């Protein structure tokens, strides 16, 4: 139970960060990867790669 809670803590933090990043264009990659990489990952992946 203790281990599960510890693992859930960082996961929750990442989820919140991803949601907040969804508002920022450069951090959109996190939102897309979490939402559905096959939905529009190709287009965004290309754009993100060029930007990075």
N, C-alpha and C. Protein backbone atom coordinates (compact mmCIF):
# COMPACT_ATOMS: atom_id res chain seq x y z
N UNK A 1 0.85 -1.21 0.00
CA UNK A 1 0.00 0.00 0.00
C UNK A 1 0.88 1.25 0.00
N UNK A 2 1.95 1.20 0.78
CA UNK A 2 2.84 2.36 0.88
C UNK A 2 3.53 2.62 -0.46
N UNK A 3 3.97 1.53 -1.10
CA UNK A 3 4.66 1.67 -2.38
C UNK A 3 3.72 2.23 -3.43
N UNK A 4 2.49 1.75 -3.43
CA UNK A 4 1.50 2.20 -4.42
C UNK A 4 1.26 3.70 -4.26
N UNK A 5 1.15 4.15 -3.04
CA UNK A 5 0.90 5.58 -2.79
C UNK A 5 2.08 6.42 -3.26
N UNK A 6 3.27 5.93 -3.02
CA UNK A 6 4.48 6.66 -3.42
C UNK A 6 4.54 6.79 -4.93
N UNK A 7 4.15 5.72 -5.63
CA UNK A 7 4.20 5.75 -7.10
C UNK A 7 3.10 6.65 -7.65
N UNK A 8 2.00 6.74 -6.92
CA UNK A 8 0.86 7.54 -7.38
C UNK A 8 1.16 9.03 -7.24
N UNK A 9 1.98 9.38 -6.27
CA UNK A 9 2.31 10.79 -6.04
C UNK A 9 2.99 11.42 -7.25
N UNK A 10 4.12 10.87 -7.71
CA UNK A 10 4.82 11.46 -8.87
C UNK A 10 3.97 11.42 -10.13
N UNK A 11 3.19 10.36 -10.28
CA UNK A 11 2.33 10.24 -11.47
C UNK A 11 1.32 11.37 -11.49
N UNK A 12 0.75 11.67 -10.33
CA UNK A 12 -0.25 12.73 -10.25
C UNK A 12 0.39 14.07 -10.59
N UNK A 13 1.61 14.26 -10.12
CA UNK A 13 2.32 15.53 -10.38
C UNK A 13 2.55 15.69 -11.88
N UNK A 14 2.96 14.60 -12.53
CA UNK A 14 3.23 14.65 -13.98
C UNK A 14 1.95 14.96 -14.72
N UNK A 15 0.85 14.36 -14.28
CA UNK A 15 -0.44 14.56 -14.95
C UNK A 15 -0.83 16.04 -14.87
N UNK A 16 -0.64 16.62 -13.70
CA UNK A 16 -0.98 18.04 -13.52
C UNK A 16 -0.10 18.91 -14.41
N UNK A 17 1.18 18.56 -14.48
CA UNK A 17 2.12 19.33 -15.31
C UNK A 17 1.73 19.24 -16.78
N UNK A 18 1.31 18.05 -17.18
CA UNK A 18 0.91 17.85 -18.57
C UNK A 18 -0.32 18.70 -18.89
N UNK A 19 -1.27 18.73 -17.96
CA UNK A 19 -2.49 19.51 -18.17
C UNK A 19 -2.14 21.00 -18.29
N UNK A 20 -1.25 21.45 -17.44
CA UNK A 20 -0.84 22.86 -17.46
C UNK A 20 -0.06 23.15 -18.73
N UNK A 21 0.76 22.18 -19.15
CA UNK A 21 1.58 22.35 -20.35
C UNK A 21 0.70 22.43 -21.59
N UNK A 22 -0.48 21.81 -21.50
CA UNK A 22 -1.39 21.81 -22.66
C UNK A 22 -1.69 23.23 -23.11
N UNK A 23 -1.54 24.19 -22.20
CA UNK A 23 -1.81 25.59 -22.54
C UNK A 23 -0.59 26.20 -23.26
N UNK A 24 0.60 25.67 -22.96
CA UNK A 24 1.83 26.19 -23.57
C UNK A 24 2.14 25.40 -24.85
N UNK A 25 2.34 26.10 -25.97
CA UNK A 25 2.63 25.44 -27.25
C UNK A 25 3.86 24.54 -27.22
N UNK A 26 5.02 25.03 -26.73
CA UNK A 26 6.23 24.21 -26.71
C UNK A 26 6.08 22.96 -25.88
N UNK A 27 5.23 23.01 -24.85
CA UNK A 27 5.04 21.85 -23.98
C UNK A 27 3.87 20.99 -24.45
N UNK A 28 3.36 21.28 -25.65
CA UNK A 28 2.22 20.54 -26.16
C UNK A 28 2.59 19.08 -26.37
N UNK A 29 3.86 18.81 -26.61
CA UNK A 29 4.30 17.42 -26.86
C UNK A 29 3.87 16.53 -25.70
N UNK A 30 3.93 17.04 -24.47
CA UNK A 30 3.55 16.26 -23.30
C UNK A 30 2.06 15.94 -23.36
N UNK A 31 1.28 16.93 -23.76
CA UNK A 31 -0.18 16.74 -23.83
C UNK A 31 -0.54 15.73 -24.90
N UNK A 32 0.10 15.82 -26.04
CA UNK A 32 -0.20 14.89 -27.15
C UNK A 32 0.22 13.47 -26.78
N UNK A 33 1.42 13.34 -26.22
CA UNK A 33 1.93 12.02 -25.87
C UNK A 33 1.02 11.36 -24.83
N UNK A 34 0.47 12.16 -23.92
CA UNK A 34 -0.40 11.62 -22.87
C UNK A 34 -1.79 11.34 -23.43
N UNK A 35 -2.25 12.19 -24.37
CA UNK A 35 -3.59 12.04 -24.93
C UNK A 35 -3.62 10.87 -25.91
N UNK A 36 -2.91 11.00 -27.03
CA UNK A 36 -2.89 9.95 -28.04
C UNK A 36 -1.81 10.25 -29.07
N UNK A 37 -0.66 9.59 -28.95
CA UNK A 37 0.46 9.83 -29.85
C UNK A 37 0.14 9.47 -31.30
N UNK A 38 -0.77 8.54 -31.52
CA UNK A 38 -1.10 8.11 -32.88
C UNK A 38 -2.17 9.02 -33.50
N UNK A 39 -2.82 9.83 -32.68
CA UNK A 39 -3.88 10.71 -33.18
C UNK A 39 -3.27 11.86 -33.98
N UNK A 40 -2.27 12.54 -33.40
CA UNK A 40 -1.65 13.66 -34.11
C UNK A 40 -0.20 13.78 -33.70
N UNK A 41 0.39 12.68 -33.25
CA UNK A 41 1.78 12.70 -32.82
C UNK A 41 2.71 12.93 -33.99
N UNK A 42 2.38 12.40 -35.14
CA UNK A 42 3.23 12.54 -36.33
C UNK A 42 3.41 14.02 -36.67
N UNK A 43 2.32 14.76 -36.78
CA UNK A 43 2.39 16.17 -37.12
C UNK A 43 3.10 16.97 -36.05
N UNK A 44 2.71 16.76 -34.80
CA UNK A 44 3.31 17.53 -33.72
C UNK A 44 4.75 17.08 -33.48
N UNK A 45 4.98 15.79 -33.63
CA UNK A 45 6.33 15.26 -33.41
C UNK A 45 7.31 15.94 -34.37
N UNK A 46 6.88 16.11 -35.62
CA UNK A 46 7.73 16.73 -36.63
C UNK A 46 7.99 18.20 -36.25
N UNK A 47 6.94 18.88 -35.85
CA UNK A 47 7.05 20.29 -35.50
C UNK A 47 7.93 20.45 -34.25
N UNK A 48 7.68 19.58 -33.27
CA UNK A 48 8.43 19.64 -32.03
C UNK A 48 9.91 19.33 -32.28
N UNK A 49 10.16 18.36 -33.12
CA UNK A 49 11.54 17.98 -33.42
C UNK A 49 12.29 19.13 -34.06
N UNK A 50 11.64 19.85 -34.97
CA UNK A 50 12.29 20.97 -35.65
C UNK A 50 12.52 22.11 -34.66
N UNK A 51 11.56 22.30 -33.74
CA UNK A 51 11.67 23.37 -32.76
C UNK A 51 12.79 23.04 -31.77
N UNK A 52 12.84 21.77 -31.36
CA UNK A 52 13.84 21.36 -30.38
C UNK A 52 15.21 21.36 -31.06
